[in-house]
Amino acid sequence: MGKTLYFYATLENVTNVRPLGEDFRWFLKLKCGNCGEIPDKWQYVTLVESVPLKGGRGHASMVQKCKLCARENSIDILADTITAYNAEDNETFKTMVQFECRGLEPVDFQPQAGFAAVGAETGTPFPEVNLLEKDWTDYDEKASESVGIYEVTHRFIKC
């Protein structure tokens, strides 16, 4: 089963908001598909971490045994689905990434550090965007204007 993370934000003078690098950490709350247990702590998956699945069935970004029911579950980031959020996507939900879920289902997402963006008119790079507070602001020297990402939210939908 797959889950799509839809991203939503209000953009001010920026575009191409995206996770930066294969070591970008997707912080998720993950639910066991077998017993429904949702641990309190945030866990992260990255493209650079790949764990072999039992029985030679490929690899996943995370393999984890449920503390409640002891079932081994996995989740994998589908790298070719990672998409930037652009100025034309402003204030709409748009796919940012898809996950292949084998027993681990993402139920919440916490954006943190590791995002990047560029000035909408100038192309000025902003390589260190932290969305933990759901808002981010900076200043584009080339355009002499403030830039920002506001009201960040998300939703998961089965794909």
Protein backbone atom coordinates (compact mmCIF):
# COMPACT_ATOMS: atom_id res chain seq x y z
CA MET A 1 0.00 0.00 0.00
CA GLY A 2 1.24 3.49 -0.72
CA LYS A 3 0.74 6.76 1.10
CA THR A 4 1.17 10.19 -0.48
CA LEU A 5 2.29 13.18 1.59
CA TYR A 6 0.47 16.28 0.37
CA PHE A 7 2.19 19.56 1.34
CA TYR A 8 0.45 22.93 1.71
CA ALA A 9 1.91 26.38 2.38
CA THR A 10 1.52 30.06 1.69
CA LEU A 11 4.59 31.25 -0.24
CA GLU A 12 5.86 34.83 -0.27
CA ASN A 13 8.32 35.59 -3.08
CA VAL A 14 9.83 32.07 -3.08
CA THR A 15 9.42 28.94 -5.18
CA ASN A 16 10.98 25.47 -5.54
CA VAL A 17 10.50 24.54 -1.86
CA ARG A 18 11.96 21.08 -1.58
CA PRO A 19 13.75 18.61 0.67
CA LEU A 20 17.48 18.97 0.10
CA GLY A 21 19.69 15.93 -0.46
CA GLU A 22 19.34 12.19 -0.04
CA ASP A 23 20.07 12.58 3.68
CA PHE A 24 16.92 14.70 4.18
CA ARG A 25 15.06 13.42 7.24
CA TRP A 26 11.32 12.79 6.83
CA PHE A 27 10.09 12.93 10.46
CA LEU A 28 7.01 10.75 10.75
CA LYS A 29 4.70 9.17 13.28
CA LEU A 30 4.24 5.60 12.11
CA LYS A 31 1.31 3.31 12.85
CA CYS A 32 1.59 -0.49 12.91
CA GLY A 33 -0.77 -1.81 10.24
CA ASN A 34 -1.27 -5.02 12.22
CA CYS A 35 -2.24 -3.84 15.72
CA GLY A 36 -2.71 -0.07 15.24
CA GLU A 37 0.00 0.94 17.75
CA ILE A 38 1.33 4.50 17.22
CA PRO A 39 4.50 5.22 19.25
CA ASP A 40 4.68 8.71 20.78
CA LYS A 41 8.13 9.52 19.41
CA TRP A 42 8.93 10.94 15.99
CA GLN A 43 10.96 8.66 13.75
CA TYR A 44 12.73 9.59 10.56
CA VAL A 45 13.45 7.91 7.25
CA THR A 46 16.00 9.01 4.66
CA LEU A 47 16.95 7.93 1.15
CA VAL A 48 20.54 7.18 2.19
CA GLU A 49 19.50 4.57 4.75
CA SER A 50 18.45 1.32 3.16
CA VAL A 51 17.79 -1.90 5.06
CA PRO A 52 17.44 -5.32 3.41
CA LEU A 53 14.09 -7.03 3.84
CA LYS A 54 13.88 -10.61 5.11
CA GLY A 55 13.81 -13.29 2.45
CA GLY A 56 15.61 -11.16 -0.14
CA ARG A 57 12.49 -9.13 -0.99
CA GLY A 58 14.41 -5.96 -1.66
CA HIS A 59 15.20 -3.00 0.58
CA ALA A 60 13.32 -0.38 2.59
CA SER A 61 14.14 2.97 4.17
CA MET A 62 13.16 1.54 7.57
CA VAL A 63 12.46 -1.93 8.93
CA GLN A 64 11.07 -2.05 12.44
CA LYS A 65 9.55 -4.60 14.78
CA CYS A 66 6.37 -3.41 16.51
CA LYS A 67 6.86 -3.21 20.29
CA LEU A 68 3.27 -4.28 20.88
CA CYS A 69 2.64 -7.15 18.44
CA ALA A 70 6.25 -7.98 17.42
CA ARG A 71 5.41 -7.91 13.71
CA GLU A 72 8.23 -6.76 11.41
CA ASN A 73 7.07 -3.86 9.26
CA SER A 74 8.76 -1.57 6.76
CA ILE A 75 8.36 1.72 4.92
CA ASP A 76 10.24 2.91 1.84
CA ILE A 77 10.59 6.39 0.34
CA LEU A 78 9.81 6.35 -3.39
CA ALA A 79 12.66 8.61 -4.52
CA ASP A 80 11.26 9.39 -7.97
CA THR A 81 8.08 10.83 -6.41
CA ILE A 82 9.82 13.65 -4.48
CA THR A 83 8.50 16.91 -5.92
CA ALA A 84 9.15 20.59 -5.22
CA TYR A 85 6.38 22.94 -4.06
CA ASN A 86 6.36 25.95 -6.38
CA ALA A 87 4.85 29.44 -6.49
CA GLU A 88 2.02 28.19 -8.72
CA ASP A 89 1.15 25.60 -6.03
CA ASN A 90 0.65 28.38 -3.45
CA GLU A 91 -2.15 27.60 -0.98
CA THR A 92 -3.02 24.24 -2.56
CA PHE A 93 -2.25 20.69 -1.45
CA LYS A 94 0.40 19.11 -3.70
CA THR A 95 2.21 15.79 -3.62
CA MET A 96 5.68 16.16 -2.08
CA VAL A 97 6.59 12.47 -1.68
CA GLN A 98 5.12 8.98 -1.73
CA PHE A 99 5.93 6.10 0.60
CA GLU A 100 5.60 2.37 -0.05
CA CYS A 101 4.10 1.03 3.16
CA ARG A 102 4.51 -2.60 4.20
CA GLY A 103 2.93 -2.59 7.64
CA LEU A 104 4.17 0.86 8.71
CA GLU A 105 1.73 3.63 7.86
CA PRO A 106 2.64 7.32 8.26
CA VAL A 107 -0.07 9.17 10.20
CA ASP A 108 1.72 12.46 10.92
CA PHE A 109 4.59 14.50 9.46
CA GLN A 110 6.78 17.07 11.17
CA PRO A 111 8.74 19.27 8.77
CA GLN A 112 12.07 20.32 10.25
CA ALA A 113 15.42 21.50 8.89
CA GLY A 114 16.75 20.47 5.51
CA PHE A 115 14.39 22.22 3.13
CA ALA A 116 15.60 24.64 0.46
CA ALA A 117 13.89 27.29 -1.66
CA VAL A 118 14.77 29.96 -4.22
CA GLY A 119 13.65 33.54 -4.72
CA ALA A 120 10.66 33.56 -7.07
CA GLU A 121 11.92 36.46 -9.21
CA THR A 122 15.67 36.41 -8.52
CA GLY A 123 16.60 32.74 -8.18
CA THR A 124 18.43 33.60 -4.95
CA PRO A 125 19.13 30.29 -3.19
CA PHE A 126 17.90 29.74 0.35
CA PRO A 127 19.61 26.43 1.22
CA GLU A 128 18.76 26.27 4.93
CA VAL A 129 15.00 26.43 5.38
CA ASN A 130 13.70 25.09 8.71
CA LEU A 131 9.93 24.53 8.79
CA LEU A 132 9.65 23.16 12.34
CA GLU A 133 7.68 26.24 13.44
CA LYS A 134 5.45 25.92 10.31
CA ASP A 135 6.67 29.40 9.26
CA TRP A 136 9.99 30.60 7.84
CA THR A 137 11.12 34.10 6.84
CA ASP A 138 14.23 35.60 5.28
CA TYR A 139 15.23 38.52 3.06
CA ASP A 140 16.10 38.43 -0.65
CA GLU A 141 18.88 41.01 -1.08
CA LYS A 142 18.66 40.95 -4.89
CA ALA A 143 14.96 41.81 -4.87
CA SER A 144 15.07 43.94 -1.70
CA GLU A 145 12.01 42.12 -0.39
CA SER A 146 11.06 39.75 2.36
CA VAL A 147 10.51 36.10 1.54
CA GLY A 148 8.63 33.50 3.52
CA ILE A 149 6.86 30.19 3.81
CA TYR A 150 3.81 30.30 6.08
CA GLU A 151 1.01 28.12 7.43
CA VAL A 152 2.75 24.87 6.50
CA THR A 153 0.45 21.89 6.81
CA HIS A 154 0.03 18.47 5.25
CA ARG A 155 -2.18 15.46 4.83
CA PHE A 156 -1.66 11.82 3.93
CA ILE A 157 -3.78 10.09 1.30
CA LYS A 158 -3.62 6.47 0.19
CA CYS A 159 -2.28 6.11 -3.32
